[in-house]
């Protein structure tokens, strides 16, 4: 564990998943995508570090204190290139994403971190992650370095192509992270609207049975 980080008690949610409600967010990305730097920034360097059961793979968990969302738990998964169980790290990541890891709740949403400087190669991870069907925000990390080298990504066009929101960020500088709060707030608003519709349907059914 790095000496820059403070350990704290982080209780993972152990209640059954509630459809549409976000309590646990998984941080997913290839190795060297800047995912760990982003995790440190999002958790405010306060995190719990342990090993997953029966393996030597490190489990890092923290609250989203860095963006003012201490009500949500963030799980930093091992860096992976795909969802094939080709290594111990990959097997752990896949089991967590599928809700098969003992003691670890299935995530309700995903932050997918990709290196903007290697975007074409790292986009290969997006398809299997999106196929999980969880609310996902794609974060193009190191976008500042990409643009400094003359690169450009049309995030709106990429979002339309992928069917999920896409945002440019710099985990090192802490820029663009407001997109994460916006994503979480939009999910909360959608959940509230769905719950309101469910309540109205129940009331209509109740009145029609009288």
N, C-alpha and C. Protein backbone atom coordinates (compact mmCIF):
# COMPACT_ATOMS: atom_id res chain seq x y z
N UNK A 1 0.84 -1.20 0.00
CA UNK A 1 0.00 0.00 0.00
C UNK A 1 0.87 1.24 0.00
N UNK A 2 0.52 2.20 -0.78
CA UNK A 2 1.30 3.42 -0.88
C UNK A 2 1.20 4.22 0.39
N UNK A 3 2.30 4.86 0.77
CA UNK A 3 2.31 5.66 1.98
C UNK A 3 1.52 6.94 1.83
N UNK A 4 1.11 7.27 0.59
CA UNK A 4 0.36 8.50 0.38
C UNK A 4 -1.11 8.35 0.73
N UNK A 5 -1.51 7.12 0.97
CA UNK A 5 -2.93 6.86 1.15
C UNK A 5 -3.26 6.60 2.61
N UNK A 6 -4.45 7.02 3.04
CA UNK A 6 -4.93 6.79 4.40
C UNK A 6 -5.95 5.68 4.37
N UNK A 7 -5.78 4.68 5.26
CA UNK A 7 -6.76 3.61 5.32
C UNK A 7 -7.92 4.04 6.19
N UNK A 8 -9.09 3.53 5.88
CA UNK A 8 -10.26 3.81 6.70
C UNK A 8 -11.20 2.63 6.60
N UNK A 9 -12.14 2.55 7.51
CA UNK A 9 -13.12 1.48 7.49
C UNK A 9 -14.18 1.79 6.44
N UNK A 10 -14.29 0.93 5.45
CA UNK A 10 -15.29 1.10 4.40
C UNK A 10 -16.16 -0.14 4.40
N UNK A 11 -17.40 0.02 4.81
CA UNK A 11 -18.33 -1.10 4.83
C UNK A 11 -18.98 -1.24 3.46
N UNK A 12 -18.76 -2.39 2.84
CA UNK A 12 -19.39 -2.63 1.54
C UNK A 12 -20.88 -2.91 1.73
N UNK A 13 -21.72 -2.38 0.86
CA UNK A 13 -23.16 -2.66 0.96
C UNK A 13 -23.41 -4.16 0.87
N UNK A 14 -24.19 -4.70 1.79
CA UNK A 14 -24.47 -6.14 1.75
C UNK A 14 -25.94 -6.46 1.56
N UNK A 15 -26.77 -5.42 1.36
CA UNK A 15 -28.17 -5.66 1.08
C UNK A 15 -28.34 -6.10 -0.38
N UNK A 16 -29.43 -6.81 -0.69
CA UNK A 16 -29.68 -7.20 -2.08
C UNK A 16 -29.73 -5.97 -2.98
N UNK A 17 -29.30 -6.14 -4.20
CA UNK A 17 -29.33 -5.03 -5.15
C UNK A 17 -30.76 -4.58 -5.40
N UNK A 18 -30.95 -3.26 -5.42
CA UNK A 18 -32.25 -2.67 -5.72
C UNK A 18 -32.20 -2.16 -7.15
N UNK A 19 -33.10 -2.64 -7.97
CA UNK A 19 -33.09 -2.27 -9.39
C UNK A 19 -33.10 -0.76 -9.55
N UNK A 20 -32.13 -0.25 -10.31
CA UNK A 20 -32.08 1.17 -10.61
C UNK A 20 -31.38 2.03 -9.58
N UNK A 21 -31.09 1.48 -8.40
CA UNK A 21 -30.45 2.27 -7.35
C UNK A 21 -28.94 2.06 -7.37
N UNK A 22 -28.18 3.16 -7.34
CA UNK A 22 -26.72 3.06 -7.38
C UNK A 22 -26.16 3.23 -5.97
N UNK A 23 -25.45 2.20 -5.51
CA UNK A 23 -24.75 2.27 -4.23
C UNK A 23 -23.26 1.94 -4.40
N UNK A 24 -22.97 1.07 -5.36
CA UNK A 24 -21.59 0.61 -5.58
C UNK A 24 -21.21 0.84 -7.03
N UNK A 25 -20.07 1.46 -7.24
CA UNK A 25 -19.57 1.77 -8.58
C UNK A 25 -18.24 1.05 -8.79
N UNK A 26 -18.10 0.40 -9.93
CA UNK A 26 -16.85 -0.29 -10.26
C UNK A 26 -16.01 0.57 -11.19
N UNK A 27 -14.72 0.66 -10.90
CA UNK A 27 -13.78 1.38 -11.74
C UNK A 27 -13.04 0.35 -12.58
N UNK A 28 -13.25 0.41 -13.88
CA UNK A 28 -12.74 -0.61 -14.80
C UNK A 28 -11.84 0.05 -15.84
N UNK A 29 -10.79 -0.65 -16.24
CA UNK A 29 -9.92 -0.11 -17.29
C UNK A 29 -8.71 -1.00 -17.50
N UNK A 30 -8.04 -0.83 -18.64
CA UNK A 30 -6.82 -1.59 -18.90
C UNK A 30 -5.69 -1.15 -17.97
N UNK A 31 -4.66 -1.97 -17.85
CA UNK A 31 -3.48 -1.55 -17.09
C UNK A 31 -2.89 -0.27 -17.70
N UNK A 32 -2.35 0.56 -16.85
CA UNK A 32 -1.68 1.81 -17.27
C UNK A 32 -2.61 2.81 -17.95
N UNK A 33 -3.89 2.74 -17.64
CA UNK A 33 -4.84 3.71 -18.19
C UNK A 33 -5.02 4.92 -17.27
N UNK A 34 -4.32 4.90 -16.12
CA UNK A 34 -4.48 5.97 -15.14
C UNK A 34 -5.61 5.71 -14.17
N UNK A 35 -6.11 4.48 -14.17
CA UNK A 35 -7.24 4.11 -13.33
C UNK A 35 -6.94 4.29 -11.84
N UNK A 36 -5.78 3.85 -11.40
CA UNK A 36 -5.43 3.96 -9.98
C UNK A 36 -5.28 5.42 -9.55
N UNK A 37 -4.72 6.24 -10.43
CA UNK A 37 -4.61 7.68 -10.13
C UNK A 37 -6.00 8.28 -9.96
N UNK A 38 -6.91 7.89 -10.83
CA UNK A 38 -8.29 8.38 -10.73
C UNK A 38 -8.94 7.89 -9.44
N UNK A 39 -8.72 6.63 -9.09
CA UNK A 39 -9.29 6.09 -7.85
C UNK A 39 -8.81 6.89 -6.65
N UNK A 40 -7.52 7.19 -6.59
CA UNK A 40 -6.99 7.97 -5.48
C UNK A 40 -7.63 9.36 -5.40
N UNK A 41 -7.84 9.95 -6.56
CA UNK A 41 -8.43 11.29 -6.58
C UNK A 41 -9.91 11.25 -6.18
N UNK A 42 -10.63 10.27 -6.67
CA UNK A 42 -12.06 10.19 -6.38
C UNK A 42 -12.34 9.84 -4.92
N UNK A 43 -11.45 9.07 -4.32
CA UNK A 43 -11.66 8.68 -2.92
C UNK A 43 -10.98 9.63 -1.94
N UNK A 44 -10.29 10.64 -2.45
CA UNK A 44 -9.59 11.55 -1.55
C UNK A 44 -8.47 10.87 -0.79
N UNK A 45 -7.87 9.83 -1.39
CA UNK A 45 -6.77 9.07 -0.78
C UNK A 45 -7.17 8.36 0.51
N UNK A 46 -8.48 8.20 0.71
CA UNK A 46 -8.94 7.44 1.87
C UNK A 46 -9.59 6.17 1.35
N UNK A 47 -8.99 5.03 1.68
CA UNK A 47 -9.43 3.80 1.07
C UNK A 47 -9.10 2.60 1.96
N UNK A 48 -9.77 1.51 1.68
CA UNK A 48 -9.51 0.24 2.37
C UNK A 48 -8.79 -0.68 1.40
N UNK A 49 -7.67 -1.24 1.83
CA UNK A 49 -6.88 -2.13 0.98
C UNK A 49 -6.79 -3.50 1.65
N UNK A 50 -7.15 -4.54 0.91
CA UNK A 50 -7.08 -5.92 1.42
C UNK A 50 -6.91 -6.83 0.21
N UNK A 51 -6.99 -8.13 0.42
CA UNK A 51 -6.96 -9.08 -0.68
C UNK A 51 -8.34 -9.69 -0.86
N UNK A 52 -8.67 -10.03 -2.11
CA UNK A 52 -9.90 -10.77 -2.34
C UNK A 52 -9.75 -12.17 -1.73
N UNK A 53 -10.86 -12.81 -1.35
CA UNK A 53 -10.78 -14.12 -0.70
C UNK A 53 -10.08 -15.17 -1.55
N UNK A 54 -9.09 -15.83 -0.97
CA UNK A 54 -8.43 -16.96 -1.62
C UNK A 54 -7.43 -16.62 -2.71
N UNK A 55 -7.16 -15.32 -2.92
CA UNK A 55 -6.21 -14.94 -3.96
C UNK A 55 -5.30 -13.84 -3.42
N UNK A 56 -4.25 -13.55 -4.19
CA UNK A 56 -3.32 -12.49 -3.77
C UNK A 56 -3.62 -11.17 -4.47
N UNK A 57 -4.73 -11.10 -5.17
CA UNK A 57 -5.11 -9.88 -5.87
C UNK A 57 -5.62 -8.85 -4.87
N UNK A 58 -5.10 -7.63 -4.97
CA UNK A 58 -5.46 -6.58 -4.02
C UNK A 58 -6.84 -6.01 -4.31
N UNK A 59 -7.60 -5.82 -3.24
CA UNK A 59 -8.91 -5.18 -3.34
C UNK A 59 -8.81 -3.78 -2.76
N UNK A 60 -9.12 -2.77 -3.56
CA UNK A 60 -9.10 -1.39 -3.08
C UNK A 60 -10.51 -0.82 -3.17
N UNK A 61 -10.98 -0.34 -2.03
CA UNK A 61 -12.35 0.16 -1.92
C UNK A 61 -12.32 1.50 -1.20
N UNK A 62 -13.14 2.43 -1.63
CA UNK A 62 -13.23 3.72 -0.95
C UNK A 62 -14.56 4.39 -1.23
N UNK A 63 -14.84 5.42 -0.48
CA UNK A 63 -16.01 6.25 -0.74
C UNK A 63 -15.65 7.33 -1.75
N UNK A 64 -16.64 7.82 -2.48
CA UNK A 64 -16.40 8.86 -3.48
C UNK A 64 -16.33 10.24 -2.81
N UNK A 65 -15.47 10.33 -1.79
CA UNK A 65 -15.32 11.58 -1.04
C UNK A 65 -14.78 12.71 -1.91
N UNK A 66 -13.93 12.36 -2.87
CA UNK A 66 -13.25 13.37 -3.67
C UNK A 66 -14.18 14.21 -4.52
N UNK A 67 -15.39 13.71 -4.78
CA UNK A 67 -16.36 14.48 -5.56
C UNK A 67 -17.63 14.71 -4.75
N UNK A 68 -17.51 14.58 -3.41
CA UNK A 68 -18.64 14.88 -2.55
C UNK A 68 -19.75 13.85 -2.55
N UNK A 69 -19.43 12.60 -2.90
CA UNK A 69 -20.45 11.54 -2.93
C UNK A 69 -20.07 10.42 -1.97
N UNK A 70 -19.97 10.75 -0.69
CA UNK A 70 -19.56 9.76 0.31
C UNK A 70 -20.62 8.69 0.53
N UNK A 71 -21.80 8.87 -0.08
CA UNK A 71 -22.84 7.85 0.03
C UNK A 71 -22.59 6.67 -0.91
N UNK A 72 -21.63 6.82 -1.82
CA UNK A 72 -21.37 5.77 -2.81
C UNK A 72 -20.01 5.13 -2.58
N UNK A 73 -19.94 3.84 -2.83
CA UNK A 73 -18.71 3.07 -2.68
C UNK A 73 -18.08 2.82 -4.04
N UNK A 74 -16.78 3.02 -4.13
CA UNK A 74 -16.05 2.80 -5.39
C UNK A 74 -15.10 1.63 -5.21
N UNK A 75 -15.16 0.68 -6.14
CA UNK A 75 -14.28 -0.49 -6.12
C UNK A 75 -13.33 -0.39 -7.31
N UNK A 76 -12.03 -0.37 -7.02
CA UNK A 76 -11.01 -0.30 -8.07
C UNK A 76 -10.64 -1.72 -8.48
N UNK A 77 -11.11 -2.14 -9.65
CA UNK A 77 -10.84 -3.50 -10.12
C UNK A 77 -9.45 -3.59 -10.74
N UNK A 78 -8.86 -4.79 -10.75
CA UNK A 78 -7.55 -4.95 -11.42
C UNK A 78 -7.62 -4.54 -12.89
N UNK A 79 -6.53 -4.05 -13.42
CA UNK A 79 -6.49 -3.68 -14.83
C UNK A 79 -6.68 -4.89 -15.72
N UNK A 80 -7.55 -4.75 -16.72
CA UNK A 80 -7.86 -5.88 -17.61
C UNK A 80 -7.92 -5.40 -19.06
N UNK A 81 -7.73 -6.34 -19.99
CA UNK A 81 -7.83 -6.04 -21.42
C UNK A 81 -9.15 -6.54 -22.01
N UNK A 82 -9.82 -7.43 -21.28
CA UNK A 82 -11.08 -7.98 -21.74
C UNK A 82 -11.75 -8.73 -20.60
N UNK A 83 -12.88 -9.34 -20.87
CA UNK A 83 -13.60 -10.06 -19.83
C UNK A 83 -13.40 -11.56 -19.91
N UNK A 84 -12.35 -12.00 -20.61
CA UNK A 84 -11.96 -13.40 -20.56
C UNK A 84 -11.15 -13.63 -19.29
N UNK A 85 -11.31 -14.77 -18.67
CA UNK A 85 -10.62 -15.04 -17.40
C UNK A 85 -9.22 -15.61 -17.69
N UNK A 86 -8.39 -14.79 -18.35
CA UNK A 86 -7.08 -15.23 -18.81
C UNK A 86 -6.00 -15.17 -17.74
N UNK A 87 -6.28 -14.54 -16.62
CA UNK A 87 -5.30 -14.43 -15.54
C UNK A 87 -6.06 -14.30 -14.22
N UNK A 88 -5.33 -14.38 -13.11
CA UNK A 88 -5.98 -14.25 -11.81
C UNK A 88 -6.62 -12.87 -11.65
N UNK A 89 -5.90 -11.82 -12.09
CA UNK A 89 -6.45 -10.47 -12.03
C UNK A 89 -7.75 -10.37 -12.83
N UNK A 90 -7.73 -10.91 -14.05
CA UNK A 90 -8.91 -10.84 -14.91
C UNK A 90 -10.06 -11.65 -14.32
N UNK A 91 -9.75 -12.81 -13.76
CA UNK A 91 -10.81 -13.64 -13.17
C UNK A 91 -11.49 -12.90 -12.02
N UNK A 92 -10.69 -12.23 -11.18
CA UNK A 92 -11.25 -11.47 -10.07
C UNK A 92 -12.15 -10.35 -10.59
N UNK A 93 -11.66 -9.60 -11.58
CA UNK A 93 -12.44 -8.49 -12.12
C UNK A 93 -13.77 -8.98 -12.69
N UNK A 94 -13.72 -10.07 -13.45
CA UNK A 94 -14.94 -10.61 -14.07
C UNK A 94 -15.92 -11.10 -13.01
N UNK A 95 -15.41 -11.76 -11.97
CA UNK A 95 -16.31 -12.27 -10.92
C UNK A 95 -16.97 -11.13 -10.16
N UNK A 96 -16.22 -10.05 -9.91
CA UNK A 96 -16.82 -8.90 -9.24
C UNK A 96 -17.91 -8.28 -10.13
N UNK A 97 -17.62 -8.10 -11.40
CA UNK A 97 -18.59 -7.49 -12.31
C UNK A 97 -19.86 -8.32 -12.46
N UNK A 98 -19.72 -9.63 -12.34
CA UNK A 98 -20.89 -10.51 -12.47
C UNK A 98 -21.54 -10.80 -11.12
N UNK A 99 -21.02 -10.20 -10.04
CA UNK A 99 -21.60 -10.44 -8.73
C UNK A 99 -21.29 -11.82 -8.18
N UNK A 100 -20.17 -12.40 -8.60
CA UNK A 100 -19.82 -13.77 -8.19
C UNK A 100 -18.71 -13.82 -7.14
N UNK A 101 -18.22 -12.65 -6.70
CA UNK A 101 -17.12 -12.62 -5.74
C UNK A 101 -17.68 -12.58 -4.31
N UNK A 102 -17.41 -13.58 -3.49
CA UNK A 102 -17.92 -13.60 -2.12
C UNK A 102 -17.49 -12.36 -1.34
N UNK A 103 -18.44 -11.77 -0.64
CA UNK A 103 -18.13 -10.62 0.20
C UNK A 103 -18.06 -9.30 -0.53
N UNK A 104 -18.24 -9.30 -1.84
CA UNK A 104 -18.19 -8.07 -2.63
C UNK A 104 -19.50 -7.89 -3.38
N UNK A 105 -20.19 -6.78 -3.20
CA UNK A 105 -21.47 -6.59 -3.88
C UNK A 105 -21.29 -6.41 -5.39
N UNK A 106 -22.25 -6.86 -6.14
CA UNK A 106 -22.24 -6.60 -7.58
C UNK A 106 -22.37 -5.10 -7.81
N UNK A 107 -21.58 -4.54 -8.70
CA UNK A 107 -21.67 -3.09 -8.94
C UNK A 107 -22.99 -2.70 -9.58
N UNK A 108 -23.43 -1.49 -9.25
CA UNK A 108 -24.66 -0.94 -9.84
C UNK A 108 -24.37 -0.07 -11.05
N UNK A 109 -23.12 0.37 -11.19
CA UNK A 109 -22.72 1.23 -12.31
C UNK A 109 -21.22 1.05 -12.53
N UNK A 110 -20.76 1.48 -13.70
CA UNK A 110 -19.35 1.32 -14.08
C UNK A 110 -18.78 2.63 -14.58
N UNK A 111 -17.57 2.94 -14.12
CA UNK A 111 -16.76 3.99 -14.72
C UNK A 111 -15.67 3.29 -15.51
N UNK A 112 -15.72 3.40 -16.83
CA UNK A 112 -14.76 2.73 -17.70
C UNK A 112 -13.69 3.73 -18.11
N UNK A 113 -12.46 3.50 -17.65
CA UNK A 113 -11.35 4.43 -17.89
C UNK A 113 -10.50 3.92 -19.06
N UNK A 114 -10.32 4.78 -20.06
CA UNK A 114 -9.50 4.44 -21.23
C UNK A 114 -8.44 5.53 -21.43
N UNK A 115 -7.28 5.11 -21.87
CA UNK A 115 -6.18 6.04 -22.14
C UNK A 115 -6.40 6.68 -23.50
N UNK A 116 -6.58 7.99 -23.53
CA UNK A 116 -6.82 8.70 -24.79
C UNK A 116 -5.69 8.53 -25.79
N UNK A 117 -4.48 8.29 -25.29
CA UNK A 117 -3.31 8.16 -26.17
C UNK A 117 -3.27 6.79 -26.86
N UNK A 118 -4.05 5.84 -26.33
CA UNK A 118 -4.10 4.51 -26.93
C UNK A 118 -5.55 4.09 -27.15
N UNK A 119 -6.36 5.04 -27.55
CA UNK A 119 -7.80 4.85 -27.56
C UNK A 119 -8.24 3.73 -28.50
N UNK A 120 -7.69 3.68 -29.70
CA UNK A 120 -8.14 2.68 -30.67
C UNK A 120 -7.96 1.27 -30.11
N UNK A 121 -6.83 1.03 -29.46
CA UNK A 121 -6.57 -0.30 -28.90
C UNK A 121 -7.44 -0.57 -27.67
N UNK A 122 -7.59 0.45 -26.81
CA UNK A 122 -8.28 0.22 -25.55
C UNK A 122 -9.80 0.19 -25.70
N UNK A 123 -10.31 0.70 -26.81
CA UNK A 123 -11.75 0.63 -27.04
C UNK A 123 -12.24 -0.81 -27.18
N UNK A 124 -11.32 -1.74 -27.39
CA UNK A 124 -11.71 -3.15 -27.49
C UNK A 124 -12.33 -3.65 -26.19
N UNK A 125 -11.99 -3.01 -25.08
CA UNK A 125 -12.56 -3.40 -23.78
C UNK A 125 -13.99 -2.92 -23.64
N UNK A 126 -14.37 -1.88 -24.38
CA UNK A 126 -15.68 -1.26 -24.18
C UNK A 126 -16.83 -2.21 -24.50
N UNK A 127 -16.74 -2.93 -25.61
CA UNK A 127 -17.87 -3.77 -26.04
C UNK A 127 -18.28 -4.80 -24.99
N UNK A 128 -17.35 -5.61 -24.46
CA UNK A 128 -17.77 -6.59 -23.44
C UNK A 128 -18.25 -5.93 -22.15
N UNK A 129 -17.68 -4.79 -21.79
CA UNK A 129 -18.13 -4.11 -20.57
C UNK A 129 -19.54 -3.57 -20.76
N UNK A 130 -19.81 -2.95 -21.90
CA UNK A 130 -21.15 -2.41 -22.16
C UNK A 130 -22.19 -3.53 -22.26
N UNK A 131 -21.74 -4.71 -22.71
CA UNK A 131 -22.66 -5.83 -22.84
C UNK A 131 -23.19 -6.32 -21.49
N UNK A 132 -22.55 -5.90 -20.40
CA UNK A 132 -23.04 -6.27 -19.07
C UNK A 132 -24.38 -5.60 -18.77
N UNK A 133 -24.68 -4.51 -19.49
CA UNK A 133 -25.97 -3.85 -19.33
C UNK A 133 -26.08 -2.93 -18.13
N UNK A 134 -24.96 -2.60 -17.49
CA UNK A 134 -24.98 -1.70 -16.35
C UNK A 134 -24.81 -0.25 -16.80
N UNK A 135 -25.37 0.71 -16.08
CA UNK A 135 -25.12 2.12 -16.40
C UNK A 135 -23.61 2.37 -16.44
N UNK A 136 -23.13 2.93 -17.53
CA UNK A 136 -21.68 3.08 -17.72
C UNK A 136 -21.35 4.47 -18.23
N UNK A 137 -20.30 5.04 -17.67
CA UNK A 137 -19.72 6.29 -18.16
C UNK A 137 -18.31 6.00 -18.63
N UNK A 138 -18.02 6.33 -19.88
CA UNK A 138 -16.68 6.13 -20.43
C UNK A 138 -15.86 7.39 -20.20
N UNK A 139 -14.71 7.23 -19.56
CA UNK A 139 -13.84 8.35 -19.23
C UNK A 139 -12.55 8.25 -20.05
N UNK A 140 -12.33 9.23 -20.92
CA UNK A 140 -11.12 9.27 -21.74
C UNK A 140 -10.05 10.02 -20.97
N UNK A 141 -9.19 9.25 -20.30
CA UNK A 141 -8.17 9.84 -19.44
C UNK A 141 -6.98 10.35 -20.26
N UNK A 142 -6.22 11.23 -19.67
CA UNK A 142 -5.03 11.83 -20.30
C UNK A 142 -5.41 12.60 -21.57
N UNK A 143 -6.64 13.11 -21.60
CA UNK A 143 -7.09 13.86 -22.78
C UNK A 143 -6.28 15.13 -22.97
N UNK A 144 -5.76 15.68 -21.86
CA UNK A 144 -4.94 16.88 -21.97
C UNK A 144 -3.66 16.61 -22.74
N UNK A 145 -3.05 15.44 -22.51
CA UNK A 145 -1.84 15.06 -23.23
C UNK A 145 -2.14 14.78 -24.70
N UNK A 146 -3.28 14.14 -24.94
CA UNK A 146 -3.67 13.86 -26.33
C UNK A 146 -3.83 15.16 -27.11
N UNK A 147 -4.52 16.14 -26.52
CA UNK A 147 -4.77 17.39 -27.22
C UNK A 147 -3.49 18.20 -27.36
N UNK A 148 -2.59 18.09 -26.40
CA UNK A 148 -1.30 18.79 -26.50
C UNK A 148 -0.47 18.24 -27.66
N UNK A 149 -0.73 17.00 -28.03
CA UNK A 149 -0.02 16.38 -29.16
C UNK A 149 -0.79 16.51 -30.47
N UNK A 150 -1.85 17.31 -30.44
CA UNK A 150 -2.61 17.56 -31.66
C UNK A 150 -3.73 16.58 -31.93
N UNK A 151 -4.03 15.71 -30.96
CA UNK A 151 -5.10 14.74 -31.12
C UNK A 151 -6.47 15.33 -30.82
N UNK A 152 -7.51 14.67 -31.28
CA UNK A 152 -8.88 15.15 -31.04
C UNK A 152 -9.83 13.97 -31.05
N UNK A 153 -10.78 13.99 -30.12
CA UNK A 153 -11.85 12.99 -30.07
C UNK A 153 -13.18 13.72 -29.97
N UNK A 154 -14.10 13.38 -30.85
CA UNK A 154 -15.45 13.93 -30.80
C UNK A 154 -16.24 13.08 -29.82
N UNK A 155 -16.36 13.54 -28.57
CA UNK A 155 -17.00 12.73 -27.53
C UNK A 155 -18.48 12.52 -27.81
N UNK A 156 -19.15 13.52 -28.41
CA UNK A 156 -20.57 13.36 -28.72
C UNK A 156 -20.79 12.27 -29.76
N UNK A 157 -19.97 12.26 -30.79
CA UNK A 157 -20.09 11.24 -31.83
C UNK A 157 -19.77 9.86 -31.26
N UNK A 158 -18.73 9.79 -30.42
CA UNK A 158 -18.35 8.51 -29.81
C UNK A 158 -19.45 8.02 -28.88
N UNK A 159 -20.07 8.94 -28.14
CA UNK A 159 -21.15 8.56 -27.23
C UNK A 159 -22.35 8.01 -28.01
N UNK A 160 -22.66 8.65 -29.14
CA UNK A 160 -23.77 8.17 -29.96
C UNK A 160 -23.47 6.78 -30.51
N UNK A 161 -22.24 6.57 -30.91
CA UNK A 161 -21.85 5.27 -31.46
C UNK A 161 -21.90 4.17 -30.40
N UNK A 162 -21.48 4.50 -29.17
CA UNK A 162 -21.40 3.50 -28.12
C UNK A 162 -22.70 3.36 -27.35
N UNK A 163 -23.53 4.39 -27.37
CA UNK A 163 -24.80 4.33 -26.66
C UNK A 163 -24.70 4.64 -25.18
N UNK A 164 -23.57 5.21 -24.76
CA UNK A 164 -23.37 5.61 -23.36
C UNK A 164 -22.63 6.94 -23.34
N UNK A 165 -22.73 7.70 -22.23
CA UNK A 165 -22.02 8.98 -22.17
C UNK A 165 -20.51 8.81 -22.16
N UNK A 166 -19.82 9.77 -22.77
CA UNK A 166 -18.35 9.77 -22.85
C UNK A 166 -17.85 11.14 -22.40
N UNK A 167 -16.78 11.16 -21.61
CA UNK A 167 -16.23 12.43 -21.13
C UNK A 167 -14.71 12.38 -21.17
N UNK A 168 -14.11 13.53 -21.45
CA UNK A 168 -12.65 13.66 -21.42
C UNK A 168 -12.23 14.15 -20.04
N UNK A 169 -11.22 13.48 -19.47
CA UNK A 169 -10.75 13.86 -18.14
C UNK A 169 -9.22 13.81 -18.09
N UNK A 170 -8.68 14.36 -17.02
CA UNK A 170 -7.27 14.16 -16.66
C UNK A 170 -7.25 13.80 -15.19
N UNK A 171 -6.96 12.52 -14.89
CA UNK A 171 -6.93 12.09 -13.50
C UNK A 171 -5.80 12.78 -12.75
N UNK A 172 -4.69 13.03 -13.44
CA UNK A 172 -3.54 13.68 -12.79
C UNK A 172 -3.87 15.10 -12.39
N UNK A 173 -4.51 15.84 -13.28
CA UNK A 173 -4.85 17.24 -12.99
C UNK A 173 -6.19 17.40 -12.30
N UNK A 174 -7.02 16.38 -12.33
CA UNK A 174 -8.33 16.46 -11.69
C UNK A 174 -9.34 17.23 -12.51
N UNK A 175 -9.13 17.33 -13.82
CA UNK A 175 -10.06 18.07 -14.67
C UNK A 175 -11.09 17.13 -15.30
N UNK A 176 -12.29 17.67 -15.52
CA UNK A 176 -13.35 16.91 -16.18
C UNK A 176 -14.14 15.99 -15.27
N UNK A 177 -13.80 15.97 -13.97
CA UNK A 177 -14.45 15.02 -13.06
C UNK A 177 -15.89 15.38 -12.75
N UNK A 178 -16.30 16.61 -13.06
CA UNK A 178 -17.70 16.98 -12.86
C UNK A 178 -18.63 16.10 -13.71
N UNK A 179 -18.08 15.50 -14.78
CA UNK A 179 -18.89 14.61 -15.61
C UNK A 179 -19.36 13.39 -14.82
N UNK A 180 -18.58 12.98 -13.83
CA UNK A 180 -18.96 11.81 -13.03
C UNK A 180 -20.16 12.15 -12.16
N UNK A 181 -20.12 13.31 -11.51
CA UNK A 181 -21.27 13.73 -10.72
C UNK A 181 -22.51 13.91 -11.59
N UNK A 182 -22.32 14.48 -12.77
CA UNK A 182 -23.44 14.68 -13.69
C UNK A 182 -24.05 13.34 -14.07
N UNK A 183 -23.20 12.36 -14.35
CA UNK A 183 -23.65 11.01 -14.71
C UNK A 183 -24.45 10.40 -13.55
N UNK A 184 -23.92 10.49 -12.33
CA UNK A 184 -24.59 9.91 -11.17
C UNK A 184 -25.91 10.63 -10.88
N UNK A 185 -25.92 11.96 -11.03
CA UNK A 185 -27.15 12.72 -10.79
C UNK A 185 -28.22 12.38 -11.82
N UNK A 186 -27.80 12.19 -13.07
CA UNK A 186 -28.77 11.82 -14.11
C UNK A 186 -29.38 10.47 -13.82
N UNK A 187 -28.54 9.53 -13.35
CA UNK A 187 -29.06 8.21 -13.00
C UNK A 187 -30.06 8.31 -11.86
N UNK A 188 -29.73 9.15 -10.86
CA UNK A 188 -30.64 9.34 -9.72
C UNK A 188 -31.97 9.92 -10.19
N UNK A 189 -31.93 10.91 -11.10
CA UNK A 189 -33.16 11.52 -11.60
C UNK A 189 -34.00 10.50 -12.36
N UNK A 190 -33.34 9.68 -13.17
CA UNK A 190 -34.08 8.65 -13.91
C UNK A 190 -34.73 7.66 -12.96
N UNK A 191 -33.98 7.29 -11.90
CA UNK A 191 -34.53 6.34 -10.93
C UNK A 191 -35.74 6.94 -10.22
N UNK A 192 -35.66 8.22 -9.88
CA UNK A 192 -36.77 8.88 -9.20
C UNK A 192 -38.01 8.91 -10.10
N UNK A 193 -37.80 9.20 -11.39
CA UNK A 193 -38.93 9.22 -12.33
C UNK A 193 -39.56 7.83 -12.46
N UNK A 194 -38.71 6.79 -12.54
CA UNK A 194 -39.24 5.44 -12.66
C UNK A 194 -40.02 5.04 -11.43
N UNK A 195 -39.50 5.40 -10.24
CA UNK A 195 -40.20 5.06 -9.00
C UNK A 195 -41.54 5.79 -8.94
N UNK A 196 -41.58 7.05 -9.38
CA UNK A 196 -42.83 7.80 -9.39
C UNK A 196 -43.84 7.14 -10.31
N UNK A 197 -43.39 6.67 -11.48
CA UNK A 197 -44.28 5.98 -12.41
C UNK A 197 -44.81 4.69 -11.81
N UNK A 198 -43.92 3.94 -11.10
CA UNK A 198 -44.37 2.70 -10.47
C UNK A 198 -45.45 2.98 -9.42
N UNK A 199 -45.24 4.03 -8.63
CA UNK A 199 -46.22 4.39 -7.60
C UNK A 199 -47.55 4.73 -8.23
N UNK A 200 -47.51 5.50 -9.32
CA UNK A 200 -48.75 5.90 -9.99
C UNK A 200 -49.48 4.68 -10.56
N UNK A 201 -48.72 3.73 -11.12
CA UNK A 201 -49.35 2.53 -11.68
C UNK A 201 -50.02 1.72 -10.58
N UNK A 202 -49.34 1.61 -9.41
CA UNK A 202 -49.92 0.86 -8.30
C UNK A 202 -51.23 1.51 -7.85
N UNK A 203 -51.23 2.84 -7.80
CA UNK A 203 -52.44 3.55 -7.36
C UNK A 203 -53.57 3.34 -8.35
N UNK A 204 -53.23 3.36 -9.65
CA UNK A 204 -54.27 3.14 -10.67
C UNK A 204 -54.86 1.74 -10.53
N UNK A 205 -53.97 0.74 -10.32
CA UNK A 205 -54.46 -0.64 -10.18
C UNK A 205 -55.34 -0.76 -8.95
N UNK A 206 -54.89 -0.11 -7.85
CA UNK A 206 -55.68 -0.16 -6.62
C UNK A 206 -57.05 0.46 -6.78
N UNK A 207 -57.13 1.60 -7.47
CA UNK A 207 -58.42 2.27 -7.65
C UNK A 207 -59.33 1.50 -8.58
N UNK A 208 -58.75 0.78 -9.57
CA UNK A 208 -59.57 0.05 -10.53
C UNK A 208 -60.16 -1.21 -9.91
N UNK A 209 -59.56 -1.69 -8.81
CA UNK A 209 -60.06 -2.89 -8.16
C UNK A 209 -61.17 -2.61 -7.17
N UNK A 210 -61.45 -1.33 -6.90
CA UNK A 210 -62.48 -0.98 -5.92
C UNK A 210 -63.87 -1.06 -6.53
